Protein backbone atom coordinates (compact mmCIF):
# COMPACT_ATOMS: atom_id res chain seq x y z
CA UNK A 1 -185.80 -14.04 -100.07
CA UNK A 2 -182.83 -11.79 -100.77
CA UNK A 3 -179.60 -13.26 -102.00
CA UNK A 4 -176.31 -11.49 -101.38
CA UNK A 5 -173.64 -11.84 -104.01
CA UNK A 6 -170.05 -11.15 -103.01
CA UNK A 7 -167.84 -10.28 -105.98
CA UNK A 8 -164.18 -10.99 -105.44
CA UNK A 9 -161.03 -9.98 -107.22
CA UNK A 10 -158.62 -12.73 -108.21
CA UNK A 11 -156.08 -11.65 -105.59
CA UNK A 12 -158.60 -11.28 -102.76
CA UNK A 13 -157.29 -11.65 -99.20
CA UNK A 14 -159.21 -13.46 -96.44
CA UNK A 15 -158.78 -13.40 -92.66
CA UNK A 16 -157.84 -16.60 -90.84
CA UNK A 17 -158.01 -17.72 -87.20
CA UNK A 18 -160.55 -15.02 -86.32
CA UNK A 19 -161.36 -14.65 -82.62
CA UNK A 20 -163.72 -12.04 -81.20
CA UNK A 21 -163.62 -11.10 -77.51
CA UNK A 22 -166.45 -9.01 -76.12
CA UNK A 23 -165.10 -8.13 -72.70
CA UNK A 24 -161.76 -6.41 -73.15
CA UNK A 25 -160.12 -4.56 -70.31
CA UNK A 26 -156.54 -4.15 -71.47
CA UNK A 27 -156.80 -2.07 -74.66
CA UNK A 28 -154.38 0.82 -75.10
CA UNK A 29 -156.87 2.48 -77.46
CA UNK A 30 -160.29 2.34 -75.75
CA UNK A 31 -161.85 2.06 -72.30
CA UNK A 32 -165.40 0.68 -72.38
CA UNK A 33 -167.51 1.67 -69.38
CA UNK A 34 -171.03 2.32 -68.15
CA UNK A 35 -172.09 5.61 -66.59
CA UNK A 36 -175.12 5.69 -64.28
CA UNK A 37 -176.65 8.98 -63.24
CA UNK A 38 -179.89 10.63 -62.27
CA UNK A 39 -181.39 13.33 -64.42
CA UNK A 40 -184.30 14.78 -62.55
CA UNK A 41 -186.17 11.78 -61.20
CA UNK A 42 -184.99 9.40 -63.90
CA UNK A 43 -182.09 6.96 -63.48
CA UNK A 44 -180.08 6.71 -66.69
CA UNK A 45 -177.49 4.12 -67.74
CA UNK A 46 -175.22 4.99 -70.65
CA UNK A 47 -172.58 2.73 -72.19
CA UNK A 48 -169.61 4.61 -73.55
CA UNK A 49 -166.07 4.15 -74.75
CA UNK A 50 -163.34 6.58 -73.82
CA UNK A 51 -160.78 6.89 -76.58
CA UNK A 52 -158.00 9.14 -77.81
CA UNK A 53 -158.72 12.33 -79.70
CA UNK A 54 -157.68 12.26 -83.35
CA UNK A 55 -156.51 14.33 -86.29
CA UNK A 56 -157.40 14.14 -89.99
CA UNK A 57 -156.16 16.03 -93.02
CA UNK A 58 -157.63 17.01 -96.33
CA UNK A 59 -154.58 16.61 -98.60
CA UNK A 60 -154.52 18.42 -101.94
CA UNK A 61 -151.87 17.39 -104.46
CA UNK A 62 -151.01 20.60 -106.34
CA UNK A 63 -149.35 19.01 -109.38
CA UNK A 64 -151.94 16.30 -109.91
CA UNK A 65 -154.83 18.60 -108.92
CA UNK A 66 -156.52 15.97 -106.81
CA UNK A 67 -157.30 15.07 -103.23
CA UNK A 68 -155.31 12.23 -101.70
CA UNK A 69 -157.20 9.64 -99.66
CA UNK A 70 -156.08 6.43 -97.99
CA UNK A 71 -157.68 3.00 -98.24
CA UNK A 72 -157.38 0.66 -95.30
CA UNK A 73 -159.00 -2.30 -93.58
CA UNK A 74 -161.22 -1.45 -90.61
CA UNK A 75 -162.20 -4.51 -88.54
CA UNK A 76 -165.34 -2.83 -87.13
CA UNK A 77 -166.58 -2.11 -90.67
CA UNK A 78 -165.74 -5.69 -91.69
CA UNK A 79 -167.65 -7.24 -88.79
CA UNK A 80 -170.66 -4.99 -89.37
CA UNK A 81 -170.84 -5.72 -93.11
CA UNK A 82 -170.41 -9.49 -92.67
CA UNK A 83 -173.03 -9.65 -89.90
CA UNK A 84 -175.52 -7.72 -92.09
CA UNK A 85 -175.49 -10.42 -94.76
CA UNK A 86 -178.74 -12.39 -94.84
CA UNK A 87 -176.92 -15.65 -94.10
CA UNK A 88 -175.44 -14.20 -90.87
CA UNK A 89 -178.34 -12.25 -89.37
CA UNK A 90 -178.96 -13.39 -85.76
CA UNK A 91 -175.89 -15.63 -85.72
CA UNK A 92 -173.50 -15.56 -82.78
CA UNK A 93 -169.90 -14.47 -83.40
CA UNK A 94 -168.56 -18.03 -83.32
CA UNK A 95 -171.22 -19.28 -85.76
CA UNK A 96 -169.97 -17.07 -88.60
CA UNK A 97 -167.35 -18.47 -90.95
CA UNK A 98 -165.29 -15.27 -91.07
CA UNK A 99 -162.61 -16.73 -93.34
CA UNK A 100 -165.03 -16.98 -96.27
CA UNK A 101 -165.53 -13.20 -96.44
CA UNK A 102 -162.83 -11.08 -98.11
CA UNK A 103 -160.88 -8.40 -96.25
CA UNK A 104 -162.14 -5.93 -98.88
CA UNK A 105 -165.55 -5.97 -97.16
CA UNK A 106 -163.92 -3.94 -94.39
CA UNK A 107 -161.89 -1.54 -96.49
CA UNK A 108 -162.72 2.16 -96.37
CA UNK A 109 -161.63 5.27 -98.25
CA UNK A 110 -160.64 7.92 -95.71
CA UNK A 111 -158.75 11.10 -95.07
CA UNK A 112 -155.22 10.63 -93.80
CA UNK A 113 -155.78 10.48 -90.04
CA UNK A 114 -154.49 9.20 -86.73
CA UNK A 115 -154.78 9.19 -82.98
CA UNK A 116 -153.45 11.91 -80.72
CA UNK A 117 -151.57 9.51 -78.48
CA UNK A 118 -148.26 11.17 -77.63
CA UNK A 119 -148.23 13.41 -74.56
CA UNK A 120 -146.87 16.94 -74.98
CA UNK A 121 -146.97 16.69 -78.79
CA UNK A 122 -149.22 19.16 -80.61
CA UNK A 123 -152.10 17.98 -82.77
CA UNK A 124 -150.45 19.66 -85.76
CA UNK A 125 -147.26 17.64 -85.13
CA UNK A 126 -149.33 14.45 -84.81
CA UNK A 127 -150.86 15.30 -88.20
CA UNK A 128 -147.47 15.91 -89.78
CA UNK A 129 -146.30 12.49 -88.57
CA UNK A 130 -149.45 10.77 -89.89
CA UNK A 131 -149.05 12.35 -93.35
CA UNK A 132 -145.48 11.03 -93.48
CA UNK A 133 -146.36 7.59 -92.07
CA UNK A 134 -149.49 6.93 -94.13
CA UNK A 135 -148.84 8.85 -97.36
CA UNK A 136 -145.06 9.32 -97.53
CA UNK A 137 -145.04 13.12 -97.82
CA UNK A 138 -142.89 15.28 -95.55
CA UNK A 139 -145.00 18.42 -95.07
CA UNK A 140 -143.62 21.37 -93.11
CA UNK A 141 -145.59 21.57 -89.87
CA UNK A 142 -146.26 25.30 -90.42
CA UNK A 143 -147.96 24.47 -93.76
CA UNK A 144 -150.60 22.27 -92.10
CA UNK A 145 -153.62 24.51 -91.54
CA UNK A 146 -156.31 23.84 -88.95
CA UNK A 147 -159.86 23.95 -90.33
CA UNK A 148 -162.08 22.95 -87.41
CA UNK A 149 -162.23 20.81 -84.28
CA UNK A 150 -165.39 18.78 -83.75
CA UNK A 151 -166.77 15.91 -81.68
CA UNK A 152 -166.80 12.40 -83.15
CA UNK A 153 -168.75 9.44 -81.79
CA UNK A 154 -171.13 11.78 -79.98
CA UNK A 155 -173.21 8.93 -78.54
CA UNK A 156 -170.36 6.69 -77.48
CA UNK A 157 -167.00 8.42 -77.09
CA UNK A 158 -167.24 12.19 -77.28
CA UNK A 159 -163.67 12.29 -78.58
CA UNK A 160 -162.45 15.35 -80.46
CA UNK A 161 -161.05 15.38 -83.97
CA UNK A 162 -159.16 18.29 -85.44
CA UNK A 163 -159.47 18.59 -89.20
CA UNK A 164 -156.51 20.05 -91.10
CA UNK A 165 -155.73 21.04 -94.70
CA UNK A 166 -152.36 20.73 -96.42
CA UNK A 167 -151.06 20.93 -99.95
CA UNK A 168 -148.53 18.40 -101.22
CA UNK A 169 -146.41 17.89 -104.32
CA UNK A 170 -143.85 15.35 -105.47
CA UNK A 171 -140.91 17.34 -104.06
CA UNK A 172 -142.23 16.44 -100.59
CA UNK A 173 -142.42 12.70 -101.32
CA UNK A 174 -139.85 10.83 -99.21
CA UNK A 175 -141.36 7.32 -99.01
CA UNK A 176 -144.28 5.20 -100.16
CA UNK A 177 -146.06 5.59 -96.82
CA UNK A 178 -148.40 2.72 -96.06
CA UNK A 179 -148.75 3.14 -92.29
CA UNK A 180 -147.37 0.91 -89.57
CA UNK A 181 -147.05 -2.86 -90.12
CA UNK A 182 -150.59 -3.71 -88.98
CA UNK A 183 -152.27 -1.07 -91.19
CA UNK A 184 -151.37 -1.92 -94.83
CA UNK A 185 -152.60 1.46 -96.10
CA UNK A 186 -153.00 2.16 -99.83
CA UNK A 187 -153.37 5.56 -101.47
């Protein structure tokens, strides 16, 4: 028998009134679907999720000589980690007491990133806006260098992500960042 110990900080935050819906059809971010096709003589069914492409940036702070990352809560990570606990294996969604597990179980350390969700706006411009929104640095668009575009979620979404590099310093700092209201991003 394995026992899972959850260590909590004194100021730990917990979710309340958790509801999980499996069949969503009105999301502005994803479109779940099933593709059926024949390959040779074999009929194949593949579940997939169409989603927006995205951008991410490796941010190097020249004065501090460090890389800047963001920390934020990701509900999918939270659900996965809570469901993996021995006490929750094989439980249905509504059988799990979600409010007893801290938000920190779903926090990740990531590159500054965001969706490409504005028509007729370049990926570089999207990246510039994300750096400002999440991290509070106003980087000249021309100083944001593209590194590589690659496919993410190859088995489920096939969305593209363009990876950028930019250097920052305190003269570019115009706000604390933190993302939009629902994100609560820390650096």
